[in-house]
C-alpha cells in the first residue's frame, strides 16, 4: 500500500462565451438603444417613451437573470465580474442623467445616487486584495427600488399618479445612502482585519 497523494482535480475552466456573459453584453448594447429612445421621445414623438421604458426594463431584467445563471451553473468569469457592475452603473446612470436633463428628476438626487454607486465600486477595488464584499440584501433591495422608480418615471403615467414615482425614488434614495454607508463600514472592517492578521 503506497502513500501517494490523491490526484488533485484540474480547476474548472469556464468559457468566456456563456449565457451569463451574453446577457451582460446585451445589457451593455441596450444602453445606447435606451438613450436613443429617450432622446427621440423628447425631440419628436412622446410615444417613444414607452419603447424607452420597455428597453430599460428588459436591460434591467438581464441583470437579475445573468447573475442567477452564473451562480446556478457556475459560469462566473473574470469578464463577468468586471463587465456586470459596469453595465449596471451605465444603465442606471444613463437613465438618471436623462431624467434630470429633461427636468423630471432633481439633479441632486441623480448626483447622490451616482456618487454612491461609483463610490462603492471604487471601494470594492480598494479592498479587493483583502477580500470580497458580498452583495447584501439591502443592496438587492436598492437595485429593485431604483429599477422600479426609474421605470415609473419613464412610463407616461398621468399626473395624478406621479406621486407614486416620487415615493419610489425617495425610498430608493434612502436605501441607496444607507447601504452605501454600510459598504464603507464593511470595507474598513475588512481592511483592518486583514492588516492585523
C-alpha atoms as a PDB file:
ATOM      1  CA  UNK A   1       0.000   0.000   0.000  1.00  0.00           C
ATOM      2  CA  UNK A   2       1.518   3.321  -1.077  1.00  0.00           C
ATOM      3  CA  UNK A   3       1.193   6.730   0.485  1.00  0.00           C
ATOM      4  CA  UNK A   4       0.929   8.546  -2.799  1.00  0.00           C
ATOM      5  CA  UNK A   5      -1.085  11.769  -2.569  1.00  0.00           C
ATOM      6  CA  UNK A   6      -4.530  11.671  -4.092  1.00  0.00           C
ATOM      7  CA  UNK A   7      -4.686  13.316  -7.516  1.00  0.00           C
ATOM      8  CA  UNK A   8      -5.879  16.892  -7.443  1.00  0.00           C
ATOM      9  CA  UNK A   9      -8.636  17.577  -9.973  1.00  0.00           C
ATOM     10  CA  UNK A  10      -7.858  20.250 -12.518  1.00  0.00           C
ATOM     11  CA  UNK A  11      -9.575  23.587 -11.880  1.00  0.00           C
ATOM     12  CA  UNK A  12     -12.811  24.007 -13.780  1.00  0.00           C
ATOM     13  CA  UNK A  13     -12.364  26.225 -16.816  1.00  0.00           C
ATOM     14  CA  UNK A  14     -15.367  28.404 -17.621  1.00  0.00           C
ATOM     15  CA  UNK A  15     -15.700  29.573 -21.195  1.00  0.00           C
ATOM     16  CA  UNK A  16     -15.966  33.296 -21.781  1.00  0.00           C
ATOM     17  CA  UNK A  17     -18.755  32.561 -24.245  1.00  0.00           C
ATOM     18  CA  UNK A  18     -21.603  31.603 -21.946  1.00  0.00           C
ATOM     19  CA  UNK A  19     -25.208  32.630 -21.339  1.00  0.00           C
ATOM     20  CA  UNK A  20     -24.463  34.848 -18.333  1.00  0.00           C
ATOM     21  CA  UNK A  21     -21.840  36.898 -20.186  1.00  0.00           C
ATOM     22  CA  UNK A  22     -24.074  37.084 -23.268  1.00  0.00           C
ATOM     23  CA  UNK A  23     -26.822  38.691 -21.177  1.00  0.00           C
ATOM     24  CA  UNK A  24     -24.315  41.165 -19.741  1.00  0.00           C
ATOM     25  CA  UNK A  25     -23.246  42.140 -23.264  1.00  0.00           C
ATOM     26  CA  UNK A  26     -26.910  42.529 -24.280  1.00  0.00           C
ATOM     27  CA  UNK A  27     -27.402  44.904 -21.337  1.00  0.00           C
ATOM     28  CA  UNK A  28     -24.408  46.986 -22.452  1.00  0.00           C
ATOM     29  CA  UNK A  29     -25.732  47.124 -26.038  1.00  0.00           C
ATOM     30  CA  UNK A  30     -29.185  48.185 -24.809  1.00  0.00           C
ATOM     31  CA  UNK A  31     -27.794  51.259 -23.030  1.00  0.00           C
ATOM     32  CA  UNK A  32     -27.288  53.364 -26.218  1.00  0.00           C
ATOM     33  CA  UNK A  33     -30.558  51.977 -27.623  1.00  0.00           C
ATOM     34  CA  UNK A  34     -32.381  53.117 -24.498  1.00  0.00           C
ATOM     35  CA  UNK A  35     -30.662  56.503 -24.659  1.00  0.00           C
ATOM     36  CA  UNK A  36     -31.726  56.968 -28.291  1.00  0.00           C
ATOM     37  CA  UNK A  37     -35.341  56.091 -27.483  1.00  0.00           C
ATOM     38  CA  UNK A  38     -35.481  58.690 -24.701  1.00  0.00           C
ATOM     39  CA  UNK A  39     -33.924  61.406 -26.863  1.00  0.00           C
ATOM     40  CA  UNK A  40     -36.302  60.674 -29.749  1.00  0.00           C
ATOM     41  CA  UNK A  41     -39.287  60.731 -27.373  1.00  0.00           C
ATOM     42  CA  UNK A  42     -38.287  64.180 -26.135  1.00  0.00           C
ATOM     43  CA  UNK A  43     -37.489  65.620 -29.568  1.00  0.00           C
ATOM     44  CA  UNK A  44     -40.189  64.193 -31.814  1.00  0.00           C
ATOM     45  CA  UNK A  45     -42.660  61.574 -30.626  1.00  0.00           C
ATOM     46  CA  UNK A  46     -43.610  61.089 -26.939  1.00  0.00           C
ATOM     47  CA  UNK A  47     -44.817  57.562 -27.755  1.00  0.00           C
ATOM     48  CA  UNK A  48     -41.160  56.510 -27.968  1.00  0.00           C
ATOM     49  CA  UNK A  49     -41.070  56.937 -24.194  1.00  0.00           C
ATOM     50  CA  UNK A  50     -42.897  53.613 -23.893  1.00  0.00           C
ATOM     51  CA  UNK A  51     -40.216  51.947 -26.019  1.00  0.00           C
ATOM     52  CA  UNK A  52     -37.556  53.546 -23.817  1.00  0.00           C
ATOM     53  CA  UNK A  53     -39.216  52.223 -20.672  1.00  0.00           C
ATOM     54  CA  UNK A  54     -39.506  48.726 -22.143  1.00  0.00           C
ATOM     55  CA  UNK A  55     -35.849  48.786 -23.237  1.00  0.00           C
ATOM     56  CA  UNK A  56     -34.829  49.834 -19.720  1.00  0.00           C
ATOM     57  CA  UNK A  57     -36.941  47.087 -18.120  1.00  0.00           C
ATOM     58  CA  UNK A  58     -35.561  44.391 -20.454  1.00  0.00           C
ATOM     59  CA  UNK A  59     -31.991  45.541 -19.784  1.00  0.00           C
ATOM     60  CA  UNK A  60     -32.645  45.582 -16.024  1.00  0.00           C
ATOM     61  CA  UNK A  61     -34.134  42.085 -16.173  1.00  0.00           C
ATOM     62  CA  UNK A  62     -30.925  40.740 -17.711  1.00  0.00           C
ATOM     63  CA  UNK A  63     -29.100  41.917 -14.586  1.00  0.00           C
ATOM     64  CA  UNK A  64     -31.149  39.606 -12.381  1.00  0.00           C
ATOM     65  CA  UNK A  65     -31.104  36.705 -14.839  1.00  0.00           C
ATOM     66  CA  UNK A  66     -27.388  36.723 -15.689  1.00  0.00           C
ATOM     67  CA  UNK A  67     -26.413  36.674 -12.026  1.00  0.00           C
ATOM     68  CA  UNK A  68     -28.739  33.759 -11.337  1.00  0.00           C
ATOM     69  CA  UNK A  69     -27.429  31.806 -14.332  1.00  0.00           C
ATOM     70  CA  UNK A  70     -23.794  32.459 -13.378  1.00  0.00           C
ATOM     71  CA  UNK A  71     -24.356  31.197  -9.827  1.00  0.00           C
ATOM     72  CA  UNK A  72     -26.675  28.309 -10.734  1.00  0.00           C
ATOM     73  CA  UNK A  73     -24.396  26.793 -13.388  1.00  0.00           C
ATOM     74  CA  UNK A  74     -21.071  28.094 -12.035  1.00  0.00           C
ATOM     75  CA  UNK A  75     -20.397  30.318 -15.022  1.00  0.00           C
ATOM     76  CA  UNK A  76     -18.615  33.095 -13.126  1.00  0.00           C
ATOM     77  CA  UNK A  77     -15.770  34.607 -15.173  1.00  0.00           C
ATOM     78  CA  UNK A  78     -13.338  37.483 -14.709  1.00  0.00           C
ATOM     79  CA  UNK A  79     -15.075  39.257 -17.586  1.00  0.00           C
ATOM     80  CA  UNK A  80     -18.437  38.927 -15.867  1.00  0.00           C
ATOM     81  CA  UNK A  81     -17.093  40.196 -12.543  1.00  0.00           C
ATOM     82  CA  UNK A  82     -15.902  43.393 -14.232  1.00  0.00           C
ATOM     83  CA  UNK A  83     -18.472  43.885 -17.007  1.00  0.00           C
ATOM     84  CA  UNK A  84     -21.595  43.163 -14.935  1.00  0.00           C
ATOM     85  CA  UNK A  85     -21.251  46.059 -12.451  1.00  0.00           C
ATOM     86  CA  UNK A  86     -20.099  48.398 -15.235  1.00  0.00           C
ATOM     87  CA  UNK A  87     -23.200  47.505 -17.271  1.00  0.00           C
ATOM     88  CA  UNK A  88     -25.417  48.118 -14.238  1.00  0.00           C
ATOM     89  CA  UNK A  89     -23.892  51.508 -13.498  1.00  0.00           C
ATOM     90  CA  UNK A  90     -24.015  52.530 -17.165  1.00  0.00           C
ATOM     91  CA  UNK A  91     -27.716  51.680 -17.459  1.00  0.00           C
ATOM     92  CA  UNK A  92     -28.809  53.269 -14.184  1.00  0.00           C
ATOM     93  CA  UNK A  93     -26.530  56.271 -14.623  1.00  0.00           C
ATOM     94  CA  UNK A  94     -27.746  56.949 -18.159  1.00  0.00           C
ATOM     95  CA  UNK A  95     -31.380  56.752 -17.052  1.00  0.00           C
ATOM     96  CA  UNK A  96     -30.886  59.082 -14.075  1.00  0.00           C
ATOM     97  CA  UNK A  97     -28.886  61.656 -16.064  1.00  0.00           C
ATOM     98  CA  UNK A  98     -31.526  61.692 -18.823  1.00  0.00           C
ATOM     99  CA  UNK A  99     -34.360  62.118 -16.327  1.00  0.00           C
ATOM    100  CA  UNK A 100     -32.543  65.047 -14.720  1.00  0.00           C
ATOM    101  CA  UNK A 101     -31.514  66.555 -18.060  1.00  0.00           C
ATOM    102  CA  UNK A 102     -35.154  66.621 -19.156  1.00  0.00           C
ATOM    103  CA  UNK A 103     -36.350  68.107 -15.874  1.00  0.00           C
ATOM    104  CA  UNK A 104     -38.132  65.101 -14.403  1.00  0.00           C
ATOM    105  CA  UNK A 105     -35.749  64.412 -11.557  1.00  0.00           C
ATOM    106  CA  UNK A 106     -33.762  66.871  -9.408  1.00  0.00           C
ATOM    107  CA  UNK A 107     -30.046  66.816 -10.177  1.00  0.00           C
ATOM    108  CA  UNK A 108     -29.141  66.394  -6.511  1.00  0.00           C
ATOM    109  CA  UNK A 109     -30.948  63.024  -6.469  1.00  0.00           C
ATOM    110  CA  UNK A 110     -29.047  61.823  -9.536  1.00  0.00           C
ATOM    111  CA  UNK A 111     -25.702  63.055  -8.198  1.00  0.00           C
ATOM    112  CA  UNK A 112     -26.273  61.455  -4.778  1.00  0.00           C
ATOM    113  CA  UNK A 113     -27.098  58.068  -6.292  1.00  0.00           C
ATOM    114  CA  UNK A 114     -24.242  58.161  -8.811  1.00  0.00           C
ATOM    115  CA  UNK A 115     -21.677  59.175  -6.176  1.00  0.00           C
ATOM    116  CA  UNK A 116     -22.816  56.249  -4.033  1.00  0.00           C
ATOM    117  CA  UNK A 117     -22.792  53.760  -6.930  1.00  0.00           C
ATOM    118  CA  UNK A 118     -19.363  54.654  -8.271  1.00  0.00           C
ATOM    119  CA  UNK A 119     -18.018  55.153  -4.755  1.00  0.00           C
ATOM    120  CA  UNK A 120     -18.969  51.608  -3.742  1.00  0.00           C
ATOM    121  CA  UNK A 121     -17.434  50.256  -6.957  1.00  0.00           C
ATOM    122  CA  UNK A 122     -14.170  52.075  -6.160  1.00  0.00           C
ATOM    123  CA  UNK A 123     -14.377  50.792  -2.596  1.00  0.00           C
ATOM    124  CA  UNK A 124     -14.630  47.204  -3.807  1.00  0.00           C
ATOM    125  CA  UNK A 125     -11.463  47.627  -5.873  1.00  0.00           C
ATOM    126  CA  UNK A 126      -9.726  49.338  -2.930  1.00  0.00           C
ATOM    127  CA  UNK A 127     -10.191  46.305  -0.648  1.00  0.00           C
ATOM    128  CA  UNK A 128     -10.122  43.556  -3.282  1.00  0.00           C
ATOM    129  CA  UNK A 129      -6.695  42.321  -2.136  1.00  0.00           C
ATOM    130  CA  UNK A 130      -8.078  41.838   1.375  1.00  0.00           C
ATOM    131  CA  UNK A 131     -11.297  40.096   0.391  1.00  0.00           C
ATOM    132  CA  UNK A 132     -14.652  40.438  -1.351  1.00  0.00           C
ATOM    133  CA  UNK A 133     -17.560  42.475  -0.018  1.00  0.00           C
ATOM    134  CA  UNK A 134     -20.599  40.341  -0.905  1.00  0.00           C
ATOM    135  CA  UNK A 135     -23.813  41.874  -2.188  1.00  0.00           C
ATOM    136  CA  UNK A 136     -26.181  42.343   0.723  1.00  0.00           C
ATOM    137  CA  UNK A 137     -29.957  42.067   0.857  1.00  0.00           C
ATOM    138  CA  UNK A 138     -30.031  45.822   1.246  1.00  0.00           C
ATOM    139  CA  UNK A 139     -28.052  46.165  -1.972  1.00  0.00           C
ATOM    140  CA  UNK A 140     -30.530  43.961  -3.809  1.00  0.00           C
ATOM    141  CA  UNK A 141     -33.429  45.958  -2.368  1.00  0.00           C
ATOM    142  CA  UNK A 142     -31.695  49.141  -3.513  1.00  0.00           C
ATOM    143  CA  UNK A 143     -31.377  47.806  -7.047  1.00  0.00           C
ATOM    144  CA  UNK A 144     -35.014  46.759  -7.124  1.00  0.00           C
ATOM    145  CA  UNK A 145     -36.257  50.119  -5.844  1.00  0.00           C
ATOM    146  CA  UNK A 146     -34.067  52.070  -8.266  1.00  0.00           C
ATOM    147  CA  UNK A 147     -35.307  49.975 -11.184  1.00  0.00           C
ATOM    148  CA  UNK A 148     -38.959  50.379 -10.190  1.00  0.00           C
ATOM    149  CA  UNK A 149     -38.591  54.130  -9.613  1.00  0.00           C
ATOM    150  CA  UNK A 150     -36.807  54.795 -12.911  1.00  0.00           C
ATOM    151  CA  UNK A 151     -39.315  52.660 -14.839  1.00  0.00           C
ATOM    152  CA  UNK A 152     -42.177  54.622 -13.261  1.00  0.00           C
ATOM    153  CA  UNK A 153     -40.585  57.932 -14.237  1.00  0.00           C
ATOM    154  CA  UNK A 154     -40.043  56.688 -17.790  1.00  0.00           C
ATOM    155  CA  UNK A 155     -43.570  55.407 -18.338  1.00  0.00           C
ATOM    156  CA  UNK A 156     -46.017  58.146 -19.417  1.00  0.00           C
ATOM    157  CA  UNK A 157     -48.185  57.976 -16.299  1.00  0.00           C
ATOM    158  CA  UNK A 158     -50.955  60.538 -15.662  1.00  0.00           C
ATOM    159  CA  UNK A 159     -50.097  63.488 -13.399  1.00  0.00           C
ATOM    160  CA  UNK A 160     -52.352  62.117 -10.656  1.00  0.00           C
ATOM    161  CA  UNK A 161     -50.056  59.078 -10.339  1.00  0.00           C
ATOM    162  CA  UNK A 162     -46.745  60.958 -10.310  1.00  0.00           C
ATOM    163  CA  UNK A 163     -46.644  60.815  -6.504  1.00  0.00           C
ATOM    164  CA  UNK A 164     -46.021  57.056  -6.768  1.00  0.00           C
ATOM    165  CA  UNK A 165     -42.792  57.709  -8.643  1.00  0.00           C
ATOM    166  CA  UNK A 166     -41.728  60.299  -6.081  1.00  0.00           C
ATOM    167  CA  UNK A 167     -42.306  57.816  -3.245  1.00  0.00           C
ATOM    168  CA  UNK A 168     -40.445  55.043  -5.054  1.00  0.00           C
ATOM    169  CA  UNK A 169     -37.490  57.288  -5.825  1.00  0.00           C
ATOM    170  CA  UNK A 170     -37.471  58.597  -2.256  1.00  0.00           C
ATOM    171  CA  UNK A 171     -37.346  55.056  -0.888  1.00  0.00           C
ATOM    172  CA  UNK A 172     -34.632  54.139  -3.408  1.00  0.00           C
ATOM    173  CA  UNK A 173     -32.586  57.171  -2.386  1.00  0.00           C
ATOM    174  CA  UNK A 174     -32.788  56.363   1.328  1.00  0.00           C
ATOM    175  CA  UNK A 175     -31.834  52.696   0.832  1.00  0.00           C
ATOM    176  CA  UNK A 176     -29.059  53.738  -1.581  1.00  0.00           C
ATOM    177  CA  UNK A 177     -27.456  56.041   1.001  1.00  0.00           C
ATOM    178  CA  UNK A 178     -27.904  53.633   3.936  1.00  0.00           C
ATOM    179  CA  UNK A 179     -26.409  50.676   2.057  1.00  0.00           C
ATOM    180  CA  UNK A 180     -23.590  52.901   0.843  1.00  0.00           C
ATOM    181  CA  UNK A 181     -22.656  53.731   4.428  1.00  0.00           C
ATOM    182  CA  UNK A 182     -22.878  50.026   5.300  1.00  0.00           C
ATOM    183  CA  UNK A 183     -20.454  49.159   2.478  1.00  0.00           C
ATOM    184  CA  UNK A 184     -17.976  51.740   3.788  1.00  0.00           C
ATOM    185  CA  UNK A 185     -18.136  50.201   7.279  1.00  0.00           C
ATOM    186  CA  UNK A 186     -17.684  46.676   5.861  1.00  0.00           C
ATOM    187  CA  UNK A 187     -14.706  47.787   3.766  1.00  0.00           C
ATOM    188  CA  UNK A 188     -12.986  49.419   6.729  1.00  0.00           C
ATOM    189  CA  UNK A 189     -13.563  46.337   8.907  1.00  0.00           C
ATOM    190  CA  UNK A 190     -12.289  44.036   6.188  1.00  0.00           C
ATOM    191  CA  UNK A 191      -9.146  46.098   5.656  1.00  0.00           C
ATOM    192  CA  UNK A 192      -8.493  46.431   9.394  1.00  0.00           C
ATOM    193  CA  UNK A 193      -8.933  42.687   9.987  1.00  0.00           C
ATOM    194  CA  UNK A 194      -6.673  41.781   7.064  1.00  0.00           C
ATOM    195  CA  UNK A 195      -3.887  44.106   8.229  1.00  0.00           C
ATOM    196  CA  UNK A 196      -3.993  42.667  11.762  1.00  0.00           C
ATOM    197  CA  UNK A 197      -3.640  39.056  10.563  1.00  0.00           C
END
